[in-house]
Amino acid sequence: ISGQAMVERSLISNGCEIYGEVRNSVIGAGVTIEEGAV
């Protein structure tokens, strides 16, 4: 989870790379969420 990322009330699985914003979500393994994405 990068310094710019924001994660709130979510399940984040192994192998994920989070650069954007994740709220109230379930994120499976190896997911990439790029910068600026919500």
PDB file of all heavy atoms in Angstrom:
ATOM      1  N   ILE A   1       0.874  -1.186   0.000  1.00  0.00           N
ATOM      2  CA  ILE A   1       0.000   0.000   0.000  1.00  0.00           C
ATOM      3  C   ILE A   1       0.907   1.230   0.000  1.00  0.00           C
ATOM      4  O   ILE A   1       1.679   1.438   0.939  1.00  0.00           O
ATOM      5  CB  ILE A   1      -0.952  -0.018   1.213  1.00  0.00           C
ATOM      6  CG1 ILE A   1      -1.873  -1.261   1.090  1.00  0.00           C
ATOM      7  CG2 ILE A   1      -1.789   1.255   1.282  1.00  0.00           C
ATOM      8  CD1 ILE A   1      -2.752  -1.545   2.264  1.00  0.00           C
ATOM      9  N   SER A   2       0.838   2.025  -1.052  1.00  0.00           N
ATOM     10  CA  SER A   2       1.789   3.135  -1.215  1.00  0.00           C
ATOM     11  C   SER A   2       1.478   4.284  -0.249  1.00  0.00           C
ATOM     12  O   SER A   2       0.393   4.339   0.351  1.00  0.00           O
ATOM     13  CB  SER A   2       1.768   3.648  -2.657  1.00  0.00           C
ATOM     14  OG  SER A   2       0.644   4.500  -2.837  1.00  0.00           O
ATOM     15  N   GLY A   3       2.400   5.221  -0.178  1.00  0.00           N
ATOM     16  CA  GLY A   3       2.228   6.382   0.715  1.00  0.00           C
ATOM     17  C   GLY A   3       1.050   7.257   0.313  1.00  0.00           C
ATOM     18  O   GLY A   3       0.407   7.890   1.151  1.00  0.00           O
ATOM     19  N   GLN A   4       0.719   7.299  -0.973  1.00  0.00           N
ATOM     20  CA  GLN A   4      -0.394   8.147  -1.471  1.00  0.00           C
ATOM     21  C   GLN A   4      -1.754   7.440  -1.363  1.00  0.00           C
ATOM     22  O   GLN A   4      -2.797   8.057  -1.512  1.00  0.00           O
ATOM     23  CB  GLN A   4      -0.212   8.556  -2.939  1.00  0.00           C
ATOM     24  CG  GLN A   4       1.090   9.207  -3.314  1.00  0.00           C
ATOM     25  CD  GLN A   4       2.124   8.189  -3.730  1.00  0.00           C
ATOM     26  OE1 GLN A   4       2.760   7.608  -2.886  1.00  0.00           O
ATOM     27  NE2 GLN A   4       2.291   7.949  -5.027  1.00  0.00           N
ATOM     28  N   ALA A   5      -1.698   6.113  -1.138  1.00  0.00           N
ATOM     29  CA  ALA A   5      -2.942   5.332  -1.151  1.00  0.00           C
ATOM     30  C   ALA A   5      -3.786   5.628   0.086  1.00  0.00           C
ATOM     31  O   ALA A   5      -3.296   6.098   1.108  1.00  0.00           O
ATOM     32  CB  ALA A   5      -2.616   3.851  -1.199  1.00  0.00           C
ATOM     33  N   MET A   6      -5.088   5.293  -0.037  1.00  0.00           N
ATOM     34  CA  MET A   6      -5.991   5.439   1.089  1.00  0.00           C
ATOM     35  C   MET A   6      -6.891   4.197   1.129  1.00  0.00           C
ATOM     36  O   MET A   6      -7.572   3.887   0.143  1.00  0.00           O
ATOM     37  CB  MET A   6      -6.842   6.703   0.850  1.00  0.00           C
ATOM     38  CG  MET A   6      -7.265   7.479   2.044  1.00  0.00           C
ATOM     39  SD  MET A   6      -8.136   6.801   3.298  1.00  0.00           S
ATOM     40  CE  MET A   6      -9.664   6.451   2.604  1.00  0.00           C
ATOM     41  N   VAL A   7      -6.844   3.469   2.215  1.00  0.00           N
ATOM     42  CA  VAL A   7      -7.658   2.257   2.350  1.00  0.00           C
ATOM     43  C   VAL A   7      -8.531   2.394   3.591  1.00  0.00           C
ATOM     44  O   VAL A   7      -8.028   2.692   4.674  1.00  0.00           O
ATOM     45  CB  VAL A   7      -6.776   0.992   2.470  1.00  0.00           C
ATOM     46  CG1 VAL A   7      -7.659  -0.243   2.703  1.00  0.00           C
ATOM     47  CG2 VAL A   7      -5.940   0.800   1.203  1.00  0.00           C
ATOM     48  N   GLU A   8      -9.830   2.166   3.428  1.00  0.00           N
ATOM     49  CA  GLU A   8     -10.764   2.293   4.551  1.00  0.00           C
ATOM     50  C   GLU A   8     -11.738   1.116   4.553  1.00  0.00           C
ATOM     51  O   GLU A   8     -12.359   0.804   3.544  1.00  0.00           O
ATOM     52  CB  GLU A   8     -11.523   3.620   4.419  1.00  0.00           C
ATOM     53  CG  GLU A   8     -12.493   3.914   5.547  1.00  0.00           C
ATOM     54  CD  GLU A   8     -13.235   5.207   5.285  1.00  0.00           C
ATOM     55  OE1 GLU A   8     -12.713   6.255   5.656  1.00  0.00           O
ATOM     56  OE2 GLU A   8     -14.312   5.190   4.668  1.00  0.00           O
ATOM     57  N   ARG A   9     -11.826   0.413   5.669  1.00  0.00           N
ATOM     58  CA  ARG A   9     -12.844  -0.621   5.893  1.00  0.00           C
ATOM     59  C   ARG A   9     -12.923  -1.618   4.727  1.00  0.00           C
ATOM     60  O   ARG A   9     -13.949  -1.810   4.138  1.00  0.00           O
ATOM     61  CB  ARG A   9     -14.201   0.042   6.117  1.00  0.00           C
ATOM     62  CG  ARG A   9     -15.220  -0.766   6.891  1.00  0.00           C
ATOM     63  CD  ARG A   9     -16.366   0.063   7.319  1.00  0.00           C
ATOM     64  NE  ARG A   9     -17.528  -0.765   7.630  1.00  0.00           N
ATOM     65  CZ  ARG A   9     -18.516  -1.039   6.784  1.00  0.00           C
ATOM     66  NH1 ARG A   9     -18.508  -0.563   5.578  1.00  0.00           N
ATOM     67  NH2 ARG A   9     -19.545  -1.798   7.153  1.00  0.00           N
ATOM     68  N   SER A  10     -11.793  -2.239   4.422  1.00  0.00           N
ATOM     69  CA  SER A  10     -11.731  -3.147   3.274  1.00  0.00           C
ATOM     70  C   SER A  10     -10.901  -4.373   3.619  1.00  0.00           C
ATOM     71  O   SER A  10     -10.076  -4.356   4.525  1.00  0.00           O
ATOM     72  CB  SER A  10     -11.103  -2.434   2.064  1.00  0.00           C
ATOM     73  OG  SER A  10     -11.921  -1.332   1.683  1.00  0.00           O
ATOM     74  N   LEU A  11     -11.143  -5.463   2.878  1.00  0.00           N
ATOM     75  CA  LEU A  11     -10.283  -6.639   2.943  1.00  0.00           C
ATOM     76  C   LEU A  11      -9.333  -6.565   1.755  1.00  0.00           C
ATOM     77  O   LEU A  11      -9.778  -6.494   0.603  1.00  0.00           O
ATOM     78  CB  LEU A  11     -11.103  -7.929   2.840  1.00  0.00           C
ATOM     79  CG  LEU A  11     -11.993  -8.332   4.025  1.00  0.00           C
ATOM     80  CD1 LEU A  11     -12.685  -9.666   3.704  1.00  0.00           C
ATOM     81  CD2 LEU A  11     -11.218  -8.466   5.288  1.00  0.00           C
ATOM     82  N   ILE A  12      -8.041  -6.604   2.025  1.00  0.00           N
ATOM     83  CA  ILE A  12      -7.028  -6.552   0.963  1.00  0.00           C
ATOM     84  C   ILE A  12      -6.211  -7.839   1.032  1.00  0.00           C
ATOM     85  O   ILE A  12      -5.570  -8.128   2.041  1.00  0.00           O
ATOM     86  CB  ILE A  12      -6.084  -5.325   1.117  1.00  0.00           C
ATOM     87  CG1 ILE A  12      -6.879  -4.024   1.349  1.00  0.00           C
ATOM     88  CG2 ILE A  12      -5.156  -5.217  -0.082  1.00  0.00           C
ATOM     89  CD1 ILE A  12      -7.630  -3.491   0.189  1.00  0.00           C
ATOM     90  N   SER A  13      -6.205  -8.612  -0.044  1.00  0.00           N
ATOM     91  CA  SER A  13      -5.516  -9.911  -0.043  1.00  0.00           C
ATOM     92  C   SER A  13      -4.032  -9.763  -0.389  1.00  0.00           C
ATOM     93  O   SER A  13      -3.567  -8.686  -0.801  1.00  0.00           O
ATOM     94  CB  SER A  13      -6.198 -10.863  -1.020  1.00  0.00           C
ATOM     95  OG  SER A  13      -7.560 -11.000  -0.697  1.00  0.00           O
ATOM     96  N   ASN A  14      -3.313 -10.873  -0.266  1.00  0.00           N
ATOM     97  CA  ASN A  14      -1.880 -10.887  -0.575  1.00  0.00           C
ATOM     98  C   ASN A  14      -1.619 -10.530  -2.033  1.00  0.00           C
ATOM     99  O   ASN A  14      -2.458 -10.772  -2.916  1.00  0.00           O
ATOM    100  CB  ASN A  14      -1.291 -12.279  -0.313  1.00  0.00           C
ATOM    101  CG  ASN A  14      -1.096 -12.528   1.157  1.00  0.00           C
ATOM    102  OD1 ASN A  14      -1.284 -11.642   1.986  1.00  0.00           O
ATOM    103  ND2 ASN A  14      -0.694 -13.741   1.510  1.00  0.00           N
ATOM    104  N   GLY A  15      -0.416  -9.989  -2.252  1.00  0.00           N
ATOM    105  CA  GLY A  15       0.020  -9.717  -3.629  1.00  0.00           C
ATOM    106  C   GLY A  15      -0.597  -8.487  -4.266  1.00  0.00           C
ATOM    107  O   GLY A  15      -0.335  -8.195  -5.431  1.00  0.00           O
ATOM    108  N   CYS A  16      -1.429  -7.743  -3.517  1.00  0.00           N
ATOM    109  CA  CYS A  16      -2.054  -6.535  -4.078  1.00  0.00           C
ATOM    110  C   CYS A  16      -1.077  -5.368  -4.070  1.00  0.00           C
ATOM    111  O   CYS A  16      -0.227  -5.247  -3.182  1.00  0.00           O
ATOM    112  CB  CYS A  16      -3.298  -6.136  -3.275  1.00  0.00           C
ATOM    113  SG  CYS A  16      -4.681  -7.257  -3.519  1.00  0.00           S
ATOM    114  N   GLU A  17      -1.267  -4.491  -5.041  1.00  0.00           N
ATOM    115  CA  GLU A  17      -0.551  -3.216  -5.056  1.00  0.00           C
ATOM    116  C   GLU A  17      -1.589  -2.102  -5.133  1.00  0.00           C
ATOM    117  O   GLU A  17      -2.332  -1.993  -6.122  1.00  0.00           O
ATOM    118  CB  GLU A  17       0.395  -3.148  -6.259  1.00  0.00           C
ATOM    119  CG  GLU A  17       1.538  -4.178  -6.195  1.00  0.00           C
ATOM    120  CD  GLU A  17       2.464  -4.068  -7.377  1.00  0.00           C
ATOM    121  OE1 GLU A  17       2.749  -2.931  -7.820  1.00  0.00           O
ATOM    122  OE2 GLU A  17       2.909  -5.119  -7.891  1.00  0.00           O
ATOM    123  N   ILE A  18      -1.649  -1.300  -4.080  1.00  0.00           N
ATOM    124  CA  ILE A  18      -2.675  -0.253  -3.983  1.00  0.00           C
ATOM    125  C   ILE A  18      -1.990   1.115  -4.026  1.00  0.00           C
ATOM    126  O   ILE A  18      -1.219   1.465  -3.125  1.00  0.00           O
ATOM    127  CB  ILE A  18      -3.506  -0.377  -2.674  1.00  0.00           C
ATOM    128  CG1 ILE A  18      -3.982  -1.824  -2.445  1.00  0.00           C
ATOM    129  CG2 ILE A  18      -4.674   0.615  -2.694  1.00  0.00           C
ATOM    130  CD1 ILE A  18      -5.019  -2.339  -3.353  1.00  0.00           C
ATOM    131  N   TYR A  19      -2.267   1.868  -5.068  1.00  0.00           N
ATOM    132  CA  TYR A  19      -1.724   3.228  -5.202  1.00  0.00           C
ATOM    133  C   TYR A  19      -2.850   4.265  -5.117  1.00  0.00           C
ATOM    134  O   TYR A  19      -2.584   5.445  -4.975  1.00  0.00           O
ATOM    135  CB  TYR A  19      -0.984   3.386  -6.545  1.00  0.00           C
ATOM    136  CG  TYR A  19       0.156   2.395  -6.703  1.00  0.00           C
ATOM    137  CD1 TYR A  19      -0.042   1.182  -7.357  1.00  0.00           C
ATOM    138  CD2 TYR A  19       1.409   2.663  -6.169  1.00  0.00           C
ATOM    139  CE1 TYR A  19       0.979   0.258  -7.498  1.00  0.00           C
ATOM    140  CE2 TYR A  19       2.454   1.738  -6.308  1.00  0.00           C
ATOM    141  CZ  TYR A  19       2.224   0.543  -6.964  1.00  0.00           C
ATOM    142  OH  TYR A  19       3.241  -0.368  -7.083  1.00  0.00           O
ATOM    143  N   GLY A  20      -4.102   3.803  -5.250  1.00  0.00           N
ATOM    144  CA  GLY A  20      -5.256   4.711  -5.254  1.00  0.00           C
ATOM    145  C   GLY A  20      -6.033   4.635  -3.947  1.00  0.00           C
ATOM    146  O   GLY A  20      -5.482   4.410  -2.866  1.00  0.00           O
ATOM    147  N   GLU A  21      -7.354   4.755  -4.062  1.00  0.00           N
ATOM    148  CA  GLU A  21      -8.233   4.824  -2.891  1.00  0.00           C
ATOM    149  C   GLU A  21      -9.202   3.623  -2.894  1.00  0.00           C
ATOM    150  O   GLU A  21      -9.830   3.343  -3.913  1.00  0.00           O
ATOM    151  CB  GLU A  21      -9.017   6.145  -2.981  1.00  0.00           C
ATOM    152  CG  GLU A  21      -9.762   6.529  -1.751  1.00  0.00           C
ATOM    153  CD  GLU A  21     -10.452   7.881  -1.944  1.00  0.00           C
ATOM    154  OE1 GLU A  21      -9.780   8.881  -2.302  1.00  0.00           O
ATOM    155  OE2 GLU A  21     -11.669   7.933  -1.762  1.00  0.00           O
ATOM    156  N   VAL A  22      -9.304   2.945  -1.773  1.00  0.00           N
ATOM    157  CA  VAL A  22     -10.205   1.788  -1.659  1.00  0.00           C
ATOM    158  C   VAL A  22     -11.079   1.972  -0.425  1.00  0.00           C
ATOM    159  O   VAL A  22     -10.570   2.137   0.682  1.00  0.00           O
ATOM    160  CB  VAL A  22      -9.422   0.462  -1.523  1.00  0.00           C
ATOM    161  CG1 VAL A  22     -10.388  -0.727  -1.452  1.00  0.00           C
ATOM    162  CG2 VAL A  22      -8.448   0.269  -2.672  1.00  0.00           C
ATOM    163  N   ARG A  23     -12.402   1.947  -0.603  1.00  0.00           N
ATOM    164  CA  ARG A  23     -13.324   2.090   0.524  1.00  0.00           C
ATOM    165  C   ARG A  23     -14.394   0.990   0.478  1.00  0.00           C
ATOM    166  O   ARG A  23     -14.954   0.702  -0.589  1.00  0.00           O
ATOM    167  CB  ARG A  23     -14.021   3.459   0.484  1.00  0.00           C
ATOM    168  CG  ARG A  23     -13.075   4.652   0.635  1.00  0.00           C
ATOM    169  CD  ARG A  23     -13.848   5.964   0.561  1.00  0.00           C
ATOM    170  NE  ARG A  23     -12.962   7.101   0.500  1.00  0.00           N
ATOM    171  CZ  ARG A  23     -12.492   7.756   1.555  1.00  0.00           C
ATOM    172  NH1 ARG A  23     -12.846   7.385   2.760  1.00  0.00           N
ATOM    173  NH2 ARG A  23     -11.680   8.796   1.408  1.00  0.00           N
ATOM    174  N   ASN A  24     -14.663   0.387   1.592  1.00  0.00           N
ATOM    175  CA  ASN A  24     -15.764  -0.600   1.726  1.00  0.00           C
ATOM    176  C   ASN A  24     -15.738  -1.652   0.623  1.00  0.00           C
ATOM    177  O   ASN A  24     -16.743  -1.897  -0.047  1.00  0.00           O
ATOM    178  CB  ASN A  24     -17.139   0.103   1.682  1.00  0.00           C
ATOM    179  CG  ASN A  24     -17.349   0.981   2.872  1.00  0.00           C
ATOM    180  OD1 ASN A  24     -16.671   0.857   3.883  1.00  0.00           O
ATOM    181  ND2 ASN A  24     -18.269   1.868   2.771  1.00  0.00           N
ATOM    182  N   SER A  25     -14.600  -2.256   0.405  1.00  0.00           N
ATOM    183  CA  SER A  25     -14.478  -3.189  -0.714  1.00  0.00           C
ATOM    184  C   SER A  25     -13.732  -4.459  -0.291  1.00  0.00           C
ATOM    185  O   SER A  25     -13.019  -4.487   0.708  1.00  0.00           O
ATOM    186  CB  SER A  25     -13.747  -2.521  -1.883  1.00  0.00           C
ATOM    187  OG  SER A  25     -14.541  -1.450  -2.386  1.00  0.00           O
ATOM    188  N   VAL A  26     -13.930  -5.506  -1.102  1.00  0.00           N
ATOM    189  CA  VAL A  26     -13.218  -6.776  -0.897  1.00  0.00           C
ATOM    190  C   VAL A  26     -12.315  -6.973  -2.108  1.00  0.00           C
ATOM    191  O   VAL A  26     -12.797  -7.110  -3.240  1.00  0.00           O
ATOM    192  CB  VAL A  26     -14.214  -7.950  -0.754  1.00  0.00           C
ATOM    193  CG1 VAL A  26     -13.466  -9.276  -0.668  1.00  0.00           C
ATOM    194  CG2 VAL A  26     -15.082  -7.761   0.497  1.00  0.00           C
ATOM    195  N   ILE A  27     -11.017  -6.984  -1.855  1.00  0.00           N
ATOM    196  CA  ILE A  27     -10.032  -7.005  -2.940  1.00  0.00           C
ATOM    197  C   ILE A  27      -9.292  -8.342  -2.919  1.00  0.00           C
ATOM    198  O   ILE A  27      -8.639  -8.701  -1.935  1.00  0.00           O
ATOM    199  CB  ILE A  27      -9.027  -5.822  -2.803  1.00  0.00           C
ATOM    200  CG1 ILE A  27      -9.767  -4.483  -2.617  1.00  0.00           C
ATOM    201  CG2 ILE A  27      -8.083  -5.785  -3.978  1.00  0.00           C
ATOM    202  CD1 ILE A  27     -10.648  -4.064  -3.765  1.00  0.00           C
ATOM    203  N   GLY A  28      -9.381  -9.089  -4.029  1.00  0.00           N
ATOM    204  CA  GLY A  28      -8.751 -10.409  -4.136  1.00  0.00           C
ATOM    205  C   GLY A  28      -7.248 -10.320  -4.306  1.00  0.00           C
ATOM    206  O   GLY A  28      -6.651  -9.227  -4.365  1.00  0.00           O
ATOM    207  N   ALA A  29      -6.606 -11.478  -4.411  1.00  0.00           N
ATOM    208  CA  ALA A  29      -5.145 -11.552  -4.467  1.00  0.00           C
ATOM    209  C   ALA A  29      -4.606 -10.980  -5.783  1.00  0.00           C
ATOM    210  O   ALA A  29      -5.217 -11.127  -6.846  1.00  0.00           O
ATOM    211  CB  ALA A  29      -4.715 -13.006  -4.310  1.00  0.00           C
ATOM    212  N   GLY A  30      -3.441 -10.329  -5.684  1.00  0.00           N
ATOM    213  CA  GLY A  30      -2.738  -9.872  -6.887  1.00  0.00           C
ATOM    214  C   GLY A  30      -3.447  -8.790  -7.680  1.00  0.00           C
ATOM    215  O   GLY A  30      -3.192  -8.623  -8.877  1.00  0.00           O
ATOM    216  N   VAL A  31      -4.296  -8.008  -7.030  1.00  0.00           N
ATOM    217  CA  VAL A  31      -5.005  -6.910  -7.704  1.00  0.00           C
ATOM    218  C   VAL A  31      -4.116  -5.658  -7.701  1.00  0.00           C
ATOM    219  O   VAL A  31      -3.440  -5.368  -6.704  1.00  0.00           O
ATOM    220  CB  VAL A  31      -6.356  -6.612  -6.995  1.00  0.00           C
ATOM    221  CG1 VAL A  31      -6.963  -5.290  -7.466  1.00  0.00           C
ATOM    222  CG2 VAL A  31      -7.337  -7.770  -7.227  1.00  0.00           C
ATOM    223  N   THR A  32      -4.128  -4.925  -8.802  1.00  0.00           N
ATOM    224  CA  THR A  32      -3.409  -3.644  -8.868  1.00  0.00           C
ATOM    225  C   THR A  32      -4.427  -2.511  -9.047  1.00  0.00           C
ATOM    226  O   THR A  32      -5.274  -2.572  -9.957  1.00  0.00           O
ATOM    227  CB  THR A  32      -2.409  -3.633 -10.042  1.00  0.00           C
ATOM    228  OG1 THR A  32      -1.499  -4.731  -9.877  1.00  0.00           O
ATOM    229  CG2 THR A  32      -1.627  -2.327 -10.092  1.00  0.00           C
ATOM    230  N   ILE A  33      -4.362  -1.506  -8.177  1.00  0.00           N
ATOM    231  CA  ILE A  33      -5.208  -0.311  -8.292  1.00  0.00           C
ATOM    232  C   ILE A  33      -4.269   0.879  -8.440  1.00  0.00           C
ATOM    233  O   ILE A  33      -3.532   1.229  -7.521  1.00  0.00           O
ATOM    234  CB  ILE A  33      -6.134  -0.167  -7.057  1.00  0.00           C
ATOM    235  CG1 ILE A  33      -7.085  -1.381  -6.993  1.00  0.00           C
ATOM    236  CG2 ILE A  33      -6.925   1.139  -7.112  1.00  0.00           C
ATOM    237  CD1 ILE A  33      -7.923  -1.469  -5.737  1.00  0.00           C
ATOM    238  N   GLU A  34      -4.275   1.468  -9.626  1.00  0.00           N
ATOM    239  CA  GLU A  34      -3.297   2.505  -9.973  1.00  0.00           C
ATOM    240  C   GLU A  34      -3.609   3.850  -9.303  1.00  0.00           C
ATOM    241  O   GLU A  34      -4.681   4.053  -8.728  1.00  0.00           O
ATOM    242  CB  GLU A  34      -3.245   2.678 -11.497  1.00  0.00           C
ATOM    243  CG  GLU A  34      -2.814   1.409 -12.256  1.00  0.00           C
ATOM    244  CD  GLU A  34      -1.332   1.147 -12.247  1.00  0.00           C
ATOM    245  OE1 GLU A  34      -0.619   1.869 -11.513  1.00  0.00           O
ATOM    246  OE2 GLU A  34      -0.876   0.233 -12.972  1.00  0.00           O
ATOM    247  N   GLU A  35      -2.663   4.774  -9.444  1.00  0.00           N
ATOM    248  CA  GLU A  35      -2.799   6.106  -8.826  1.00  0.00           C
ATOM    249  C   GLU A  35      -4.060   6.820  -9.293  1.00  0.00           C
ATOM    250  O   GLU A  35      -4.440   6.747 -10.470  1.00  0.00           O
ATOM    251  CB  GLU A  35      -1.614   7.005  -9.200  1.00  0.00           C
ATOM    252  CG  GLU A  35      -0.313   6.576  -8.838  1.00  0.00           C
ATOM    253  CD  GLU A  35       0.797   7.336  -9.514  1.00  0.00           C
ATOM    254  OE1 GLU A  35       0.567   8.474  -9.960  1.00  0.00           O
ATOM    255  OE2 GLU A  35       1.894   6.776  -9.603  1.00  0.00           O
ATOM    256  N   GLY A  36      -4.659   7.527  -8.351  1.00  0.00           N
ATOM    257  CA  GLY A  36      -5.825   8.355  -8.690  1.00  0.00           C
ATOM    258  C   GLY A  36      -7.110   7.569  -8.858  1.00  0.00           C
ATOM    259  O   GLY A  36      -8.180   8.143  -9.033  1.00  0.00           O
ATOM    260  N   ALA A  37      -7.032   6.223  -8.842  1.00  0.00           N
ATOM    261  CA  ALA A  37      -8.252   5.409  -8.983  1.00  0.00           C
ATOM    262  C   ALA A  37      -8.981   5.349  -7.636  1.00  0.00           C
ATOM    263  O   ALA A  37      -8.356   5.341  -6.573  1.00  0.00           O
ATOM    264  CB  ALA A  37      -7.901   3.998  -9.443  1.00  0.00           C
ATOM    265  N   VAL A  38     -10.323   5.304  -7.707  1.00  0.00           N
ATOM    266  CA  VAL A  38     -11.156   5.203  -6.504  1.00  0.00           C
ATOM    267  C   VAL A  38     -12.060   3.975  -6.659  1.00  0.00           C
ATOM    268  O   VAL A  38     -12.795   3.863  -7.644  1.00  0.00           O
ATOM    269  CB  VAL A  38     -12.027   6.472  -6.313  1.00  0.00           C
ATOM    270  CG1 VAL A  38     -12.894   6.335  -5.061  1.00  0.00           C
ATOM    271  CG2 VAL A  38     -11.157   7.720  -6.230  1.00  0.00           C
TER     272      VAL A  38
END
